[in-house]
C-alpha atoms as a PDB file:
ATOM      1  CA  MET A   1    -130.966 -86.837  -2.300  1.00  0.00           C
ATOM      2  CA  ILE A   2    -130.708 -85.870  -6.020  1.00  0.00           C
ATOM      3  CA  GLN A   3    -129.524 -82.410  -6.709  1.00  0.00           C
ATOM      4  CA  LYS A   4    -130.548 -80.141  -9.543  1.00  0.00           C
ATOM      5  CA  VAL A   5    -128.768 -80.463 -12.877  1.00  0.00           C
ATOM      6  CA  PRO A   6    -126.245 -77.676 -13.771  1.00  0.00           C
ATOM      7  CA  LYS A   7    -126.600 -75.535 -16.775  1.00  0.00           C
ATOM      8  CA  PRO A   8    -124.872 -77.508 -19.535  1.00  0.00           C
ATOM      9  CA  GLU A   9    -122.269 -76.291 -21.984  1.00  0.00           C
ATOM     10  CA  ILE A  10    -121.666 -77.681 -25.398  1.00  0.00           C
ATOM     11  CA  SER A  11    -118.117 -78.662 -26.220  1.00  0.00           C
ATOM     12  CA  VAL A  12    -117.027 -79.591 -29.777  1.00  0.00           C
ATOM     13  CA  GLN A  13    -114.302 -82.149 -30.719  1.00  0.00           C
ATOM     14  CA  PRO A  14    -111.989 -81.932 -32.391  1.00  0.00           C
ATOM     15  CA  LEU A  15    -111.230 -78.327 -31.272  1.00  0.00           C
ATOM     16  CA  MET A  16    -110.435 -77.333 -34.842  1.00  0.00           C
ATOM     17  CA  CYS A  17    -113.740 -78.711 -36.169  1.00  0.00           C
ATOM     18  CA  SER A  18    -114.707 -76.565 -39.170  1.00  0.00           C
ATOM     19  CA  SER A  19    -116.545 -76.596 -42.560  1.00  0.00           C
ATOM     20  CA  GLY A  20    -113.666 -78.657 -43.942  1.00  0.00           C
ATOM     21  CA  SER A  21    -114.189 -81.477 -41.396  1.00  0.00           C
ATOM     22  CA  ASP A  22    -116.117 -84.593 -42.253  1.00  0.00           C
ATOM     23  CA  SER A  23    -117.724 -84.942 -38.861  1.00  0.00           C
ATOM     24  CA  CYS A  24    -117.499 -83.445 -35.322  1.00  0.00           C
ATOM     25  CA  THR A  25    -118.654 -84.556 -31.866  1.00  0.00           C
ATOM     26  CA  LEU A  26    -120.881 -82.254 -29.655  1.00  0.00           C
ATOM     27  CA  THR A  27    -120.900 -83.108 -26.026  1.00  0.00           C
ATOM     28  CA  CYS A  28    -123.305 -81.766 -23.419  1.00  0.00           C
ATOM     29  CA  GLU A  29    -120.961 -80.902 -20.530  1.00  0.00           C
ATOM     30  CA  GLY A  30    -121.686 -80.270 -16.858  1.00  0.00           C
ATOM     31  CA  ASN A  31    -120.966 -81.873 -13.347  1.00  0.00           C
ATOM     32  CA  VAL A  32    -123.702 -84.204 -12.817  1.00  0.00           C
ATOM     33  CA  THR A  33    -122.013 -86.367 -10.038  1.00  0.00           C
ATOM     34  CA  LYS A  34    -124.890 -85.711  -7.406  1.00  0.00           C
ATOM     35  CA  ALA A  35    -127.655 -85.118  -9.999  1.00  0.00           C
ATOM     36  CA  GLU A  36    -127.910 -88.707 -11.435  1.00  0.00           C
ATOM     37  CA  PRO A  37    -129.924 -90.089 -13.135  1.00  0.00           C
ATOM     38  CA  VAL A  38    -129.563 -87.566 -15.988  1.00  0.00           C
ATOM     39  CA  THR A  39    -131.096 -87.756 -19.423  1.00  0.00           C
ATOM     40  CA  TYR A  40    -129.722 -85.787 -22.300  1.00  0.00           C
ATOM     41  CA  SER A  41    -131.687 -84.193 -25.209  1.00  0.00           C
ATOM     42  CA  TRP A  42    -130.692 -82.268 -28.299  1.00  0.00           C
ATOM     43  CA  LYS A  43    -132.292 -79.940 -30.684  1.00  0.00           C
ATOM     44  CA  MET A  44    -131.297 -78.259 -33.961  1.00  0.00           C
ATOM     45  CA  GLU A  45    -132.453 -74.549 -34.127  1.00  0.00           C
ATOM     46  CA  GLU A  46    -136.113 -74.419 -33.140  1.00  0.00           C
ATOM     47  CA  GLU A  47    -136.944 -78.114 -33.688  1.00  0.00           C
ATOM     48  CA  ASP A  48    -138.280 -80.165 -30.800  1.00  0.00           C
ATOM     49  CA  TRP A  49    -136.020 -81.749 -28.239  1.00  0.00           C
ATOM     50  CA  LYS A  50    -134.953 -85.360 -29.081  1.00  0.00           C
ATOM     51  CA  GLU A  51    -133.664 -87.519 -26.262  1.00  0.00           C
ATOM     52  CA  SER A  52    -130.108 -88.838 -27.000  1.00  0.00           C
ATOM     53  CA  GLY A  53    -126.883 -89.557 -25.327  1.00  0.00           C
ATOM     54  CA  LYS A  54    -124.510 -87.061 -23.656  1.00  0.00           C
ATOM     55  CA  SER A  55    -122.573 -86.707 -27.105  1.00  0.00           C
ATOM     56  CA  ILE A  56    -123.816 -86.602 -30.707  1.00  0.00           C
ATOM     57  CA  ILE A  57    -121.863 -86.956 -33.893  1.00  0.00           C
ATOM     58  CA  ILE A  58    -122.821 -84.452 -36.551  1.00  0.00           C
ATOM     59  CA  SER A  59    -121.690 -85.164 -40.204  1.00  0.00           C
ATOM     60  CA  ASN A  60    -120.979 -82.583 -42.733  1.00  0.00           C
ATOM     61  CA  THR A  61    -123.988 -83.074 -45.000  1.00  0.00           C
ATOM     62  CA  GLU A  62    -126.256 -80.855 -46.933  1.00  0.00           C
ATOM     63  CA  LYS A  63    -128.909 -81.262 -44.243  1.00  0.00           C
ATOM     64  CA  THR A  64    -126.548 -80.398 -41.454  1.00  0.00           C
ATOM     65  CA  GLN A  65    -125.123 -77.390 -43.362  1.00  0.00           C
ATOM     66  CA  SER A  66    -128.611 -75.783 -43.289  1.00  0.00           C
ATOM     67  CA  VAL A  67    -128.738 -75.897 -39.455  1.00  0.00           C
ATOM     68  CA  LYS A  68    -127.539 -72.599 -37.720  1.00  0.00           C
ATOM     69  CA  THR A  69    -127.381 -73.782 -34.088  1.00  0.00           C
ATOM     70  CA  PHE A  70    -127.525 -76.749 -31.657  1.00  0.00           C
ATOM     71  CA  SER A  71    -128.644 -76.814 -28.032  1.00  0.00           C
ATOM     72  CA  CYS A  72    -128.539 -79.503 -25.380  1.00  0.00           C
ATOM     73  CA  GLN A  73    -130.662 -80.163 -22.358  1.00  0.00           C
ATOM     74  CA  MET A  74    -129.938 -82.072 -19.072  1.00  0.00           C
ATOM     75  CA  LYS A  75    -132.928 -83.404 -17.192  1.00  0.00           C
ATOM     76  CA  ASN A  76    -133.323 -85.367 -14.006  1.00  0.00           C
ATOM     77  CA  PRO A  77    -136.363 -86.056 -11.714  1.00  0.00           C
ATOM     78  CA  VAL A  78    -135.607 -82.756  -9.861  1.00  0.00           C
ATOM     79  CA  SER A  79    -134.848 -80.270 -12.630  1.00  0.00           C
ATOM     80  CA  GLU A  80    -133.917 -79.467 -16.224  1.00  0.00           C
ATOM     81  CA  GLU A  81    -131.526 -77.056 -17.691  1.00  0.00           C
ATOM     82  CA  GLU A  82    -130.743 -76.014 -21.344  1.00  0.00           C
ATOM     83  CA  SER A  83    -127.407 -74.928 -22.761  1.00  0.00           C
ATOM     84  CA  GLU A  84    -126.884 -71.664 -24.666  1.00  0.00           C
ATOM     85  CA  THR A  85    -127.169 -72.209 -28.327  1.00  0.00           C
ATOM     86  CA  ARG A  86    -123.981 -73.311 -30.093  1.00  0.00           C
ATOM     87  CA  SER A  87    -123.133 -72.305 -33.647  1.00  0.00           C
ATOM     88  CA  ASN A  88    -122.943 -75.121 -36.224  1.00  0.00           C
ATOM     89  CA  PRO A  89    -119.331 -75.359 -37.608  1.00  0.00           C
ATOM     90  CA  PHE A  90    -120.772 -76.779 -40.810  1.00  0.00           C
ATOM     91  CA  PHE A  91    -123.397 -74.136 -41.357  1.00  0.00           C
ATOM     92  CA  LEU A  92    -123.586 -72.671 -44.949  1.00  0.00           C
ATOM     93  CA  LYS A  93    -125.801 -69.697 -45.596  1.00  0.00           C
ATOM     94  CA  THR A  94    -127.830 -70.523 -48.724  1.00  0.00           C
ATOM     95  CA  ILE A  95    -130.132 -68.351 -50.727  1.00  0.00           C
ATOM     96  CA  SER A  96    -133.199 -70.136 -51.994  1.00  0.00           C
ATOM     97  CA  LYS A  97    -133.810 -70.049 -55.784  1.00  0.00           C
ATOM     98  CA  SER A  98    -137.109 -68.281 -55.495  1.00  0.00           C
ATOM     99  CA  ARG A  99    -135.446 -65.453 -53.368  1.00  0.00           C
ATOM    100  CA  SER A 100    -132.517 -65.058 -55.863  1.00  0.00           C
ATOM    101  CA  TRP A 101    -135.030 -64.517 -58.716  1.00  0.00           C
ATOM    102  CA  VAL A 102    -136.845 -61.838 -56.684  1.00  0.00           C
ATOM    103  CA  ASP A 103    -133.398 -60.068 -56.076  1.00  0.00           C
ATOM    104  CA  VAL A 104    -132.644 -60.196 -59.765  1.00  0.00           C
ATOM    105  CA  PHE A 105    -136.008 -58.834 -60.737  1.00  0.00           C
ATOM    106  CA  LEU A 106    -135.819 -56.053 -58.207  1.00  0.00           C
ATOM    107  CA  THR A 107    -132.289 -55.148 -59.390  1.00  0.00           C
ATOM    108  CA  VAL A 108    -133.552 -54.949 -63.040  1.00  0.00           C
ATOM    109  CA  LEU A 109    -136.449 -52.647 -61.992  1.00  0.00           C
ATOM    110  CA  LYS A 110    -133.900 -50.416 -60.088  1.00  0.00           C
ATOM    111  CA  VAL A 111    -131.589 -50.133 -63.196  1.00  0.00           C
ATOM    112  CA  LEU A 112    -134.588 -49.402 -65.424  1.00  0.00           C
ATOM    113  CA  GLY A 113    -135.911 -46.773 -63.016  1.00  0.00           C
ATOM    114  CA  ILE A 114    -132.492 -45.024 -62.892  1.00  0.00           C
ATOM    115  CA  ILE A 115    -132.137 -45.103 -66.644  1.00  0.00           C
ATOM    116  CA  SER A 116    -135.635 -43.581 -66.996  1.00  0.00           C
ATOM    117  CA  LEU A 117    -134.837 -40.853 -64.532  1.00  0.00           C
ATOM    118  CA  VAL A 118    -131.500 -39.865 -66.204  1.00  0.00           C
ATOM    119  CA  TRP A 119    -133.327 -39.752 -69.582  1.00  0.00           C
ATOM    120  CA  ALA A 120    -136.136 -37.545 -68.232  1.00  0.00           C
ATOM    121  CA  VAL A 121    -133.535 -35.087 -66.697  1.00  0.00           C
ATOM    122  CA  VAL A 122    -131.525 -34.842 -69.933  1.00  0.00           C
ATOM    123  CA  TYR A 123    -134.724 -34.383 -72.022  1.00  0.00           C
ATOM    124  CA  LEU A 124    -136.020 -31.527 -69.706  1.00  0.00           C
ATOM    125  CA  VAL A 125    -132.665 -29.778 -69.676  1.00  0.00           C
ATOM    126  CA  TRP A 126    -132.333 -30.064 -73.395  1.00  0.00           C
ATOM    127  CA  ARG A 127    -136.031 -28.758 -73.904  1.00  0.00           C
ATOM    128  CA  ASN A 128    -135.485 -25.737 -71.565  1.00  0.00           C
ATOM    129  CA  ARG A 129    -132.239 -24.882 -73.285  1.00  0.00           C
ATOM    130  CA  GLU A 130    -133.860 -24.914 -76.670  1.00  0.00           C
ATOM    131  CA  ALA A 131    -136.752 -22.711 -75.415  1.00  0.00           C
ATOM    132  CA  ALA A 132    -134.284 -20.160 -73.781  1.00  0.00           C
ATOM    133  CA  CYS A 133    -131.807 -19.959 -76.662  1.00  0.00           C
ATOM    134  CA  PRO A 134    -132.053 -16.524 -78.502  1.00  0.00           C
ATOM    135  CA  CYS A 135    -130.367 -18.229 -81.570  1.00  0.00           C
ATOM    136  CA  GLY A 136    -133.473 -20.278 -82.353  1.00  0.00           C
ATOM    137  CA  VAL A 137    -135.365 -16.955 -82.570  1.00  0.00           C
ATOM    138  CA  LEU A 138    -132.897 -15.506 -84.941  1.00  0.00           C
ATOM    139  CA  ARG A 139    -133.036 -18.417 -87.165  1.00  0.00           C
ATOM    140  CA  VAL A 140    -136.829 -18.168 -87.334  1.00  0.00           C
ATOM    141  CA  GLN A 141    -136.510 -14.482 -88.170  1.00  0.00           C
ATOM    142  CA  GLN A 142    -133.955 -15.186 -91.038  1.00  0.00           C
ATOM    143  CA  ASP A 143    -136.333 -17.513 -92.530  1.00  0.00           C
ATOM    144  CA  LEU A 144    -138.999 -14.752 -92.901  1.00  0.00           C
ATOM    145  CA  PHE A 145    -136.776 -12.529 -95.037  1.00  0.00           C
END
């Protein structure tokens, strides 16, 4: 009688796999001795499951660097189980060009807004001081004589 597959875990080889490595192997681990036959599937982030072997090799490429996580799935005629997501050792956060232009535009608007606000405050303080200054009144009176 075939047993249910266990919840798999993803292991990474070599253990020191990092963004500096050329490639790494991900393996879908779990004791399937009494659960055979088992098929293995993999997915990158929210993509669809793709049937593959127990292990996959990921290369440090531009495409792989844009993937945050990997998951594996074990399946037999009785059951199926998914692993927790595993962080991609090659993932590099990138900012799209369109987003970076939006950020620059918003920053420029903020700076212009701050400059305008400071100018308005300085102008109002100067105008109120001029109106309240008695020396301005004296100057006008001296011109009359």
